[in-house]
Amino acid sequence: MRSPSIIRLATLVFPVLIGCDKHCPPPIDICTQRISPEQLASTDEVALKSFHARVPGRHDRWTDLTILYHANWPHCSLRLTFLDGTNRLQKLVMEAAGEWHAATGVTFSPSDDANAEIRVSFSGTTNQSWVGRSGETVATGQPTLFLGGVAASDARSRILALARHELGHALGAPHEHQSPLANIHWNKPEVRAYYHAGPYHWNDAEIEANVFRQYGADEADQDHFDASSIMMYPIPKEWTTDGIHVENNVALSAEDERFMRQIYSACPPP
């Protein structure tokens, strides 16, 4: 029986939404996705071989985009280094990392290594994270996880929520609304109107990739869809045709903990 694995190559952006029209929900934190060029070039054997050579030791199946979606780490200790940021921000990220440790058994070890698996920066204005082992494609000393959308003066609860989400991606977790088991009846004109407007100004292709695109069962292993997941997009009721909506989740759900523990079952219990 194939071991479970999780999808994900994404970059996360969480702007604060203000001055909205009728298409805008209450202020929420939204994510976008970014995929590395090598991983996008899934039909380019040269690019794939180059990527495989730099991310060795895979034990998962190798078919088409497998490396994109089997992003979980093969070991149970990840080094985490801060490239900048205040003491308060760093402590809150480590607190969120402690929650993921309790859920998965994966240890986040503070490090000064420029090649640490997770390299956190609070620079810029967005929150982004390379997904799981895709971070190994980032140049040494460069951030693999950004929390530029938070300030040291922000509420503790908001910083922790964003850190939980970003660290979930760093562990390899996917956006839950793009799960093979998600069955969301999108009100596509309403969603497009929202994302066409500021602050995003996405085109239809970007909206398709970040919102409507659903991974296939051959791309992701999952046994439940969890609308309460920390990895879930908030979805206002106006964005669905049946009025179903999802709140802005801020904590790890029971399913997050159960499934991620299954993914990292080789790690000793915390």
Protein backbone atom coordinates (compact mmCIF):
# COMPACT_ATOMS: atom_id res chain seq x y z
CA MET A 1 0.00 0.00 0.00
CA ARG A 2 1.36 3.35 -1.01
CA SER A 3 2.40 5.62 1.85
CA PRO A 4 0.38 8.84 2.11
CA SER A 5 1.93 12.00 0.80
CA ILE A 6 0.82 15.58 0.44
CA ILE A 7 0.74 18.06 -2.37
CA ARG A 8 2.12 21.47 -2.55
CA LEU A 9 4.26 24.01 -4.21
CA ALA A 10 2.92 27.33 -3.23
CA THR A 11 3.73 30.82 -2.22
CA LEU A 12 1.37 32.47 0.22
CA VAL A 13 0.28 36.06 0.27
CA PHE A 14 -1.96 37.46 3.03
CA PRO A 15 -2.85 41.12 2.38
CA VAL A 16 -5.24 43.03 4.61
CA LEU A 17 -8.33 43.90 2.62
CA ILE A 18 -9.85 47.34 3.06
CA GLY A 19 -12.13 49.67 1.10
CA CYS A 20 -14.08 46.78 -0.45
CA ASP A 21 -17.15 46.87 -2.68
CA LYS A 22 -19.97 44.34 -2.71
CA HIS A 23 -17.62 41.63 -3.93
CA CYS A 24 -15.46 41.89 -0.86
CA PRO A 25 -15.95 39.69 2.22
CA PRO A 26 -14.99 40.84 5.70
CA PRO A 27 -11.22 41.34 6.08
CA ILE A 28 -9.53 38.00 5.50
CA ASP A 29 -6.07 36.64 4.76
CA ILE A 30 -5.78 35.07 1.29
CA CYS A 31 -3.07 32.89 -0.27
CA THR A 32 -1.66 32.68 -3.78
CA GLN A 33 0.52 30.01 -5.32
CA ARG A 34 3.89 30.07 -7.06
CA ILE A 35 5.69 27.10 -8.61
CA SER A 36 9.38 26.93 -9.39
CA PRO A 37 10.31 26.94 -13.11
CA GLU A 38 11.80 23.43 -12.96
CA GLN A 39 8.63 22.08 -11.45
CA LEU A 40 6.38 23.85 -13.95
CA ALA A 41 8.40 22.32 -16.78
CA SER A 42 6.95 18.90 -16.06
CA THR A 43 7.23 17.72 -19.64
CA ASP A 44 10.84 18.89 -19.95
CA GLU A 45 12.94 15.84 -19.10
CA VAL A 46 16.13 17.89 -18.83
CA ALA A 47 14.54 20.25 -16.31
CA LEU A 48 13.06 17.38 -14.33
CA LYS A 49 16.35 15.49 -14.21
CA SER A 50 18.08 18.64 -13.04
CA PHE A 51 15.52 19.09 -10.27
CA HIS A 52 15.70 15.43 -9.27
CA ALA A 53 19.48 15.60 -9.06
CA ARG A 54 19.25 18.48 -6.57
CA VAL A 55 16.50 16.81 -4.52
CA PRO A 56 17.81 13.24 -4.19
CA GLY A 57 16.66 10.34 -2.11
CA ARG A 58 13.02 10.27 -3.15
CA HIS A 59 11.24 7.04 -2.34
CA ASP A 60 7.93 8.04 -3.92
CA ARG A 61 6.79 7.11 -7.41
CA TRP A 62 8.27 9.16 -10.25
CA THR A 63 5.57 9.98 -12.77
CA ASP A 64 5.11 13.39 -14.36
CA LEU A 65 4.56 15.86 -11.51
CA THR A 66 5.19 13.51 -8.60
CA ILE A 67 8.00 15.67 -7.25
CA LEU A 68 5.61 18.59 -7.09
CA TYR A 69 3.12 16.81 -4.92
CA HIS A 70 5.27 14.53 -2.80
CA ALA A 71 6.87 17.41 -0.96
CA ASN A 72 6.98 16.06 2.59
CA TRP A 73 10.44 15.85 4.16
CA PRO A 74 12.06 12.42 4.57
CA HIS A 75 13.49 13.23 8.00
CA CYS A 76 12.10 14.35 11.35
CA SER A 77 14.29 17.33 12.22
CA LEU A 78 14.20 20.59 10.26
CA ARG A 79 16.59 23.44 10.91
CA LEU A 80 14.91 26.82 11.15
CA THR A 81 16.87 30.05 10.95
CA PHE A 82 15.71 33.67 11.14
CA LEU A 83 17.32 36.07 8.69
CA ASP A 84 15.81 39.10 10.43
CA GLY A 85 12.83 40.08 12.59
CA THR A 86 12.18 41.20 16.12
CA ASN A 87 12.50 38.93 19.12
CA ARG A 88 8.70 38.91 19.56
CA LEU A 89 8.03 37.83 15.98
CA GLN A 90 10.66 35.11 16.14
CA LYS A 91 9.27 33.75 19.40
CA LEU A 92 5.75 33.57 17.95
CA VAL A 93 6.96 31.68 14.88
CA MET A 94 8.73 29.20 17.15
CA GLU A 95 5.53 28.87 19.19
CA ALA A 96 3.62 27.97 16.02
CA ALA A 97 6.41 25.56 15.09
CA GLY A 98 5.97 23.94 18.49
CA GLU A 99 2.32 23.27 17.67
CA TRP A 100 3.30 21.52 14.44
CA HIS A 101 5.91 19.54 16.37
CA ALA A 102 3.24 18.39 18.80
CA ALA A 103 1.05 17.38 15.84
CA THR A 104 3.66 15.64 13.68
CA GLY A 105 6.73 14.77 15.74
CA VAL A 106 8.84 16.91 13.38
CA THR A 107 11.34 18.99 15.35
CA PHE A 108 12.12 22.57 14.32
CA SER A 109 15.63 23.21 15.57
CA PRO A 110 16.81 26.84 15.82
CA SER A 111 19.87 27.26 13.62
CA ASP A 112 22.22 29.85 12.17
CA ASP A 113 22.97 27.66 9.15
CA ALA A 114 22.57 29.58 5.88
CA ASN A 115 21.42 26.33 4.30
CA ALA A 116 18.78 25.47 6.93
CA GLU A 117 15.70 23.79 5.49
CA ILE A 118 13.47 26.68 6.63
CA ARG A 119 14.83 30.23 6.43
CA VAL A 120 12.43 32.88 7.70
CA SER A 121 12.40 36.55 6.76
CA PHE A 122 10.02 39.30 7.84
CA SER A 123 11.07 41.61 5.02
CA GLY A 124 8.77 42.79 2.24
CA THR A 125 5.00 43.04 2.46
CA THR A 126 3.75 39.52 1.80
CA ASN A 127 3.60 36.15 3.50
CA GLN A 128 5.04 33.39 1.34
CA SER A 129 6.44 29.91 1.73
CA TRP A 130 8.02 27.40 -0.57
CA VAL A 131 6.23 24.11 -0.10
CA GLY A 132 8.06 21.29 1.60
CA ARG A 133 11.17 20.10 -0.23
CA SER A 134 10.68 22.64 -3.00
CA GLY A 135 12.52 24.97 -0.64
CA GLU A 136 15.68 23.05 -1.49
CA THR A 137 15.72 24.84 -4.85
CA VAL A 138 16.15 28.24 -3.14
CA ALA A 139 19.69 29.64 -3.11
CA THR A 140 21.66 29.25 0.12
CA GLY A 141 21.05 32.12 2.51
CA GLN A 142 17.86 33.25 0.79
CA PRO A 143 14.45 33.03 2.53
CA THR A 144 12.23 30.03 1.98
CA LEU A 145 9.44 31.48 4.13
CA PHE A 146 8.35 35.13 4.31
CA LEU A 147 6.17 36.76 6.94
CA GLY A 148 6.46 40.26 5.57
CA GLY A 149 2.75 40.88 5.94
CA VAL A 150 2.94 41.04 9.72
CA ALA A 151 4.29 43.70 12.04
CA ALA A 152 5.76 43.28 15.48
CA SER A 153 2.80 45.27 16.83
CA ASP A 154 0.17 42.98 15.27
CA ALA A 155 -2.08 40.94 17.51
CA ARG A 156 -0.50 37.76 18.79
CA SER A 157 -3.42 35.73 17.43
CA ARG A 158 -2.94 37.00 13.87
CA ILE A 159 0.80 36.38 13.80
CA LEU A 160 0.35 32.87 15.16
CA ALA A 161 -2.39 32.06 12.60
CA LEU A 162 -0.23 33.18 9.69
CA ALA A 163 2.82 31.37 11.03
CA ARG A 164 0.81 28.15 11.47
CA HIS A 165 -0.36 28.33 7.87
CA GLU A 166 3.07 29.11 6.42
CA LEU A 167 4.74 26.37 8.43
CA GLY A 168 2.08 23.96 7.21
CA HIS A 169 3.22 24.72 3.70
CA ALA A 170 6.85 24.36 4.71
CA LEU A 171 5.97 20.84 5.89
CA GLY A 172 4.40 20.09 2.51
CA ALA A 173 0.70 20.66 3.19
CA PRO A 174 -1.62 21.74 0.35
CA HIS A 175 -4.29 24.36 0.12
CA GLU A 176 -7.31 22.45 1.30
CA HIS A 177 -9.77 24.05 -1.12
CA GLN A 178 -7.79 22.51 -4.00
CA SER A 179 -8.00 19.02 -2.53
CA PRO A 180 -9.16 16.18 -4.80
CA LEU A 181 -12.00 15.67 -2.33
CA ALA A 182 -13.17 19.29 -2.20
CA ASN A 183 -16.59 19.70 -3.74
CA ILE A 184 -17.01 23.47 -3.73
CA HIS A 185 -19.74 24.88 -5.94
CA TRP A 186 -18.09 28.14 -6.88
CA ASN A 187 -20.01 31.23 -7.92
CA LYS A 188 -17.32 31.92 -10.48
CA PRO A 189 -18.47 35.36 -11.67
CA GLU A 190 -18.50 36.62 -8.08
CA VAL A 191 -15.07 35.16 -7.31
CA ARG A 192 -13.60 36.55 -10.53
CA ALA A 193 -15.01 40.01 -9.85
CA TYR A 194 -13.35 40.02 -6.45
CA TYR A 195 -9.93 38.88 -7.61
CA HIS A 196 -9.96 41.06 -10.73
CA ALA A 197 -10.18 44.06 -8.40
CA GLY A 198 -7.48 45.36 -6.07
CA PRO A 199 -5.34 44.52 -4.28
CA TYR A 200 -4.89 41.41 -6.44
CA HIS A 201 -5.69 42.36 -10.05
CA TRP A 202 -5.46 38.70 -11.01
CA ASN A 203 -6.29 37.62 -14.53
CA ASP A 204 -8.54 34.64 -15.23
CA ALA A 205 -5.60 32.24 -15.53
CA GLU A 206 -4.30 33.25 -12.10
CA ILE A 207 -7.75 32.85 -10.58
CA GLU A 208 -8.08 29.41 -12.15
CA ALA A 209 -4.69 28.32 -10.80
CA ASN A 210 -5.14 29.68 -7.29
CA VAL A 211 -8.84 29.19 -6.62
CA PHE A 212 -10.74 26.90 -9.00
CA ARG A 213 -8.02 24.42 -9.95
CA GLN A 214 -8.54 21.11 -8.15
CA TYR A 215 -5.74 18.56 -7.89
CA GLY A 216 -6.43 15.09 -9.24
CA ALA A 217 -6.40 11.92 -7.20
CA ASP A 218 -3.20 10.96 -9.02
CA GLU A 219 -1.54 14.12 -7.69
CA ALA A 220 -2.50 13.96 -4.03
CA ASP A 221 -3.24 11.41 -1.35
CA GLN A 222 -6.01 12.48 1.00
CA ASP A 223 -8.73 10.63 2.85
CA HIS A 224 -10.91 13.52 4.07
CA PHE A 225 -11.78 17.05 3.05
CA ASP A 226 -11.46 19.38 6.03
CA ALA A 227 -13.16 22.77 5.80
CA SER A 228 -11.75 23.61 9.24
CA SER A 229 -8.13 23.16 8.17
CA ILE A 230 -5.57 25.89 8.83
CA MET A 231 -4.66 25.37 5.15
CA MET A 232 -8.16 26.26 3.93
CA TYR A 233 -9.06 29.45 2.05
CA PRO A 234 -11.75 31.53 3.74
CA ILE A 235 -14.80 31.44 1.46
CA PRO A 236 -17.64 33.98 1.89
CA LYS A 237 -21.11 32.61 1.15
CA GLU A 238 -21.39 34.89 -1.88
CA TRP A 239 -18.59 32.90 -3.50
CA THR A 240 -20.62 29.66 -3.69
CA THR A 241 -23.85 28.86 -5.49
CA ASP A 242 -25.30 26.98 -2.51
CA GLY A 243 -24.42 29.48 0.21
CA ILE A 244 -21.77 27.23 1.76
CA HIS A 245 -19.03 29.29 3.36
CA VAL A 246 -15.81 28.77 5.29
CA GLU A 247 -14.56 30.97 8.09
CA ASN A 248 -11.06 32.40 8.32
CA ASN A 249 -9.52 29.43 10.10
CA VAL A 250 -6.77 30.39 12.54
CA ALA A 251 -5.79 27.14 14.32
CA LEU A 252 -4.73 23.61 13.43
CA SER A 253 -7.81 21.43 13.14
CA ALA A 254 -8.09 17.91 14.52
CA GLU A 255 -7.89 16.62 10.93
CA ASP A 256 -4.77 18.70 10.27
CA GLU A 257 -3.10 17.01 13.22
CA ARG A 258 -4.34 13.51 12.37
CA PHE A 259 -3.42 13.58 8.70
CA MET A 260 -0.07 15.29 9.11
CA ARG A 261 0.81 12.82 11.84
CA GLN A 262 0.06 10.10 9.31
CA ILE A 263 2.30 11.80 6.74
CA TYR A 264 5.17 11.95 9.25
CA SER A 265 4.40 8.62 10.88
CA ALA A 266 8.10 7.71 10.87
CA CYS A 267 8.83 10.50 13.33
CA PRO A 268 8.81 9.63 17.03
CA PRO A 269 5.80 10.89 18.96
CA PRO A 270 6.56 14.21 20.68
